[in-house]
Protein backbone atom coordinates (compact mmCIF):
# COMPACT_ATOMS: atom_id res chain seq x y z
CA MET A 1 53.35 108.16 32.71
CA MET A 2 53.22 111.73 33.99
CA ASP A 3 56.58 113.48 34.36
CA ARG A 4 56.00 113.84 38.11
CA ASP A 5 55.43 110.10 38.42
CA ARG A 6 58.70 109.47 36.58
CA VAL A 7 60.53 111.87 38.89
CA LEU A 8 59.17 110.05 41.96
CA ILE A 9 60.66 106.83 40.60
CA GLU A 10 64.01 108.49 39.81
CA LEU A 11 64.56 110.25 43.15
CA PRO A 12 65.41 107.14 45.24
CA TYR A 13 67.76 105.96 42.47
CA ARG A 14 69.56 109.30 42.53
CA MET A 15 69.81 109.22 46.32
CA GLN A 16 71.35 105.75 46.20
CA ALA A 17 73.81 106.93 43.53
CA ILE A 18 74.87 109.69 45.92
CA ALA A 19 75.30 107.15 48.74
CA THR A 20 77.46 105.15 46.31
CA LEU A 21 79.50 108.30 45.60
CA ASN A 22 80.16 108.68 49.33
CA LEU A 23 81.18 105.03 49.64
CA ALA A 24 83.43 105.29 46.56
CA MET A 25 85.17 108.41 47.89
CA ASN A 26 85.87 106.73 51.22
CA LEU A 27 87.11 103.54 49.54
CA SER A 28 89.33 105.58 47.22
CA ALA A 29 90.78 107.54 50.15
CA ASP A 30 91.38 104.39 52.21
CA LEU A 31 92.52 101.95 49.52
CA GLY A 32 93.57 103.93 46.43
CA ALA A 33 94.12 101.64 43.45
CA ALA A 34 94.05 98.40 45.44
CA PRO A 35 93.48 95.21 43.43
CA MET A 36 89.81 94.41 42.88
CA LYS A 37 87.96 91.26 41.88
CA LEU A 38 84.29 91.33 40.91
CA TYR A 39 82.22 88.19 41.28
CA ALA A 40 78.81 87.42 39.80
CA GLY A 41 77.57 84.68 42.08
CA ASP A 42 80.57 82.38 42.46
CA LYS A 43 82.12 83.33 39.11
CA LEU A 44 84.99 85.81 38.84
CA VAL A 45 83.99 88.15 35.99
CA ILE A 46 86.30 91.18 36.33
CA GLU A 47 89.80 91.76 37.68
CA GLY A 48 91.48 95.14 37.88
CA ASN A 49 91.99 97.81 40.48
CA LEU A 50 89.53 99.65 42.67
CA HIS A 51 89.53 102.73 40.41
CA ALA A 52 87.45 100.70 37.94
CA PHE A 53 84.63 101.03 40.47
CA THR A 54 85.40 104.23 42.34
CA ASN A 55 86.06 106.57 39.40
CA PRO A 56 82.76 106.01 37.54
CA ALA A 57 80.82 105.85 40.83
CA ILE A 58 82.23 109.22 41.88
CA GLU A 59 81.61 110.84 38.49
CA ALA A 60 78.05 109.55 38.21
CA GLY A 61 77.30 110.42 41.84
CA ILE A 62 78.37 114.03 41.35
CA MET A 63 75.99 114.35 38.40
CA HIS A 64 73.16 112.97 40.55
CA CYS A 65 74.10 115.44 43.31
CA ARG A 66 73.74 118.31 40.87
CA ALA A 67 70.42 116.96 39.57
CA LEU A 68 68.95 116.78 43.08
CA LEU A 69 70.24 120.22 44.03
CA GLU A 70 68.57 121.61 40.90
CA PHE A 71 65.39 119.69 41.77
CA LEU A 72 65.45 121.33 45.21
CA GLY A 73 65.77 124.74 43.53
CA LEU A 74 69.48 125.52 44.02
CA CYS A 75 72.07 126.61 41.47
CA ASP A 76 75.46 128.25 41.01
CA LYS A 77 75.15 131.93 40.06
CA LYS A 78 78.53 133.49 39.37
CA GLY A 79 80.27 131.41 42.01
CA LYS A 80 77.59 131.78 44.67
CA LEU A 81 74.98 129.26 45.83
CA GLU A 82 71.56 130.74 45.04
CA ASN A 83 68.04 129.77 44.03
CA ARG A 84 66.99 129.15 40.48
CA THR A 85 64.75 131.97 39.29
CA SER A 86 63.18 130.01 36.43
CA ARG A 87 62.83 126.52 35.03
CA ASN A 88 62.48 125.15 31.53
CA PRO A 89 58.90 124.20 30.65
CA THR A 90 59.70 120.49 30.91
CA ASP A 91 61.58 120.75 34.25
CA ILE A 92 60.03 119.26 37.37
CA GLY A 93 61.10 120.72 40.70
CA ILE A 94 60.18 120.36 44.34
CA GLU A 95 57.61 123.17 43.99
CA HIS A 96 55.55 120.95 41.65
CA PHE A 97 54.71 118.62 44.56
CA ASN A 98 52.34 119.16 47.47
CA THR A 99 51.96 118.32 51.14
CA PRO A 100 49.04 115.99 52.04
CA ASP A 101 46.79 119.06 52.55
CA GLY A 102 47.59 120.34 49.04
CA THR A 103 50.11 123.07 49.94
CA PRO A 104 52.92 123.28 47.35
CA LEU A 105 56.39 122.49 48.68
CA LYS A 106 58.84 125.39 48.73
CA VAL A 107 62.22 125.46 47.04
CA VAL A 108 65.17 125.04 49.39
CA THR A 109 67.10 128.26 49.96
CA PRO A 110 70.86 128.23 50.64
CA ASP A 111 70.14 129.16 54.27
CA ASP A 112 67.58 126.32 54.55
CA ALA A 113 70.17 123.90 53.22
CA ALA A 114 72.79 125.12 55.68
CA SER A 115 70.41 124.78 58.62
CA HIS A 116 70.27 120.99 58.18
CA TYR A 117 74.01 120.52 58.68
CA PRO A 118 75.83 120.30 62.00
CA GLY A 119 78.85 122.23 60.69
CA PRO A 120 79.41 125.90 59.82
CA SER A 121 76.88 127.26 57.32
CA GLU A 122 79.53 128.68 54.97
CA GLU A 123 81.22 125.28 54.77
CA VAL A 124 77.91 123.69 53.81
CA LYS A 125 77.17 126.29 51.15
CA ASN A 126 80.69 125.85 49.76
CA ALA A 127 80.18 122.08 49.69
CA LEU A 128 76.97 122.37 47.67
CA LEU A 129 78.55 124.98 45.42
CA ALA A 130 81.49 122.62 44.83
CA VAL A 131 79.04 120.09 43.36
CA PHE A 132 78.15 122.53 40.59
CA GLN A 133 81.73 123.59 40.03
CA VAL A 134 83.10 120.05 39.81
CA ALA A 135 80.15 118.76 37.75
CA ASN A 136 80.65 121.55 35.22
CA LYS A 137 84.16 120.33 34.42
CA GLU A 138 84.82 117.96 31.56
CA LEU A 139 83.57 114.58 32.78
CA ALA A 140 86.94 112.90 32.19
CA HIS A 141 88.63 115.32 34.58
CA ILE A 142 86.30 115.00 37.59
CA THR A 143 88.17 112.32 39.51
CA GLU A 144 91.50 113.87 38.51
CA ASP A 145 90.30 117.20 39.93
CA LEU A 146 89.31 115.54 43.22
CA ARG A 147 92.70 113.84 43.52
CA ASP A 148 94.51 117.11 42.79
CA SER A 149 92.29 119.22 45.05
CA PRO A 150 91.85 117.80 48.57
CA GLN A 151 89.61 120.80 49.35
CA HIS A 152 87.18 119.91 46.55
CA ALA A 153 87.25 116.25 47.57
CA ARG A 154 86.44 117.17 51.19
CA LEU A 155 83.57 119.44 50.11
CA ILE A 156 82.09 116.84 47.74
CA GLU A 157 82.21 114.26 50.53
CA ILE A 158 80.31 116.69 52.81
CA ALA A 159 77.74 117.33 50.07
CA SER A 160 77.29 113.60 49.42
CA ARG A 161 76.28 113.11 53.06
CA GLY A 162 73.99 116.13 53.17
CA ILE A 163 72.00 116.07 49.93
CA PRO A 164 70.03 112.90 50.78
CA VAL A 165 69.31 114.37 54.23
CA LEU A 166 67.90 117.48 52.52
CA MET A 167 65.74 115.30 50.29
CA VAL A 168 64.29 113.50 53.32
CA SER A 169 63.68 116.62 55.42
CA ARG A 170 62.44 118.94 52.66
CA PHE A 171 60.67 116.53 50.29
CA TYR A 172 59.66 113.19 51.80
CA THR A 173 58.81 114.27 55.35
CA PRO A 174 56.61 117.25 54.32
CA ARG A 175 54.75 114.92 51.92
CA GLY A 176 54.10 112.47 54.75
CA GLN A 177 56.14 109.80 53.00
CA GLN A 178 58.70 107.41 54.39
CA ALA A 179 62.18 108.07 53.04
CA PRO A 180 63.45 105.50 50.53
CA ASP A 181 66.06 103.01 51.67
CA TYR A 182 69.04 104.57 49.90
CA LYS A 183 71.90 103.96 52.34
CA LEU A 184 74.69 101.51 51.64
CA THR A 185 76.68 99.47 54.12
CA ARG A 186 80.41 99.07 53.78
CA ARG A 187 81.73 95.70 54.84
CA PRO A 188 85.17 95.51 56.43
CA ARG A 189 87.89 93.79 54.41
CA ASP A 190 88.75 90.28 55.59
CA ASP A 191 92.20 91.36 56.76
CA GLN A 192 90.68 94.26 58.76
CA ALA A 193 88.16 91.92 60.36
CA THR A 194 90.95 89.49 61.24
CA GLU A 195 93.09 92.27 62.70
CA SER A 196 90.22 93.64 64.81
CA SER A 197 89.39 90.16 66.15
CA ASN A 198 93.05 89.49 67.03
CA PRO A 199 94.31 92.62 68.81
CA SER A 200 98.04 92.62 69.48
């Protein structure tokens, strides 16, 4: 299989991992280390607390964020969000793909990335930069860093919402392709559903 074909298969998986990161961050913020039970069909297979899901989902999701930002052509250069100036010979980036008329796609500049967000452009650039900064830490310290740094956690949450949007607008749409179904739906807890159906 050509490397580009492999990348096309991996991209939706990475986008879903980022959606899982966003879900895990929101669950962690709302529920902390609440008890968790994992069922396979009707069989209870794991008991523990919610961190058993949220911590690895957050750590993996951040790595997928970085991978997609690099695919789009972005990087951290001395603490500033910039474009990559070169790639390794085996790297595949957005510029290796074409529009339907054969025009190569362009790498995403920091200003391009910021233009797709409703918030201030500096906040967006800082959010994407935070992905690189947090991902470059020792893996075991990622979730600890996010708990200790509310600012980093807020920026990573912003990035986790925006990176899939960038992929759709700068990669799938210009190629004339439908975006993959990467979004996840969070179900309300039973007690929340009961409370909302029985207002006091």
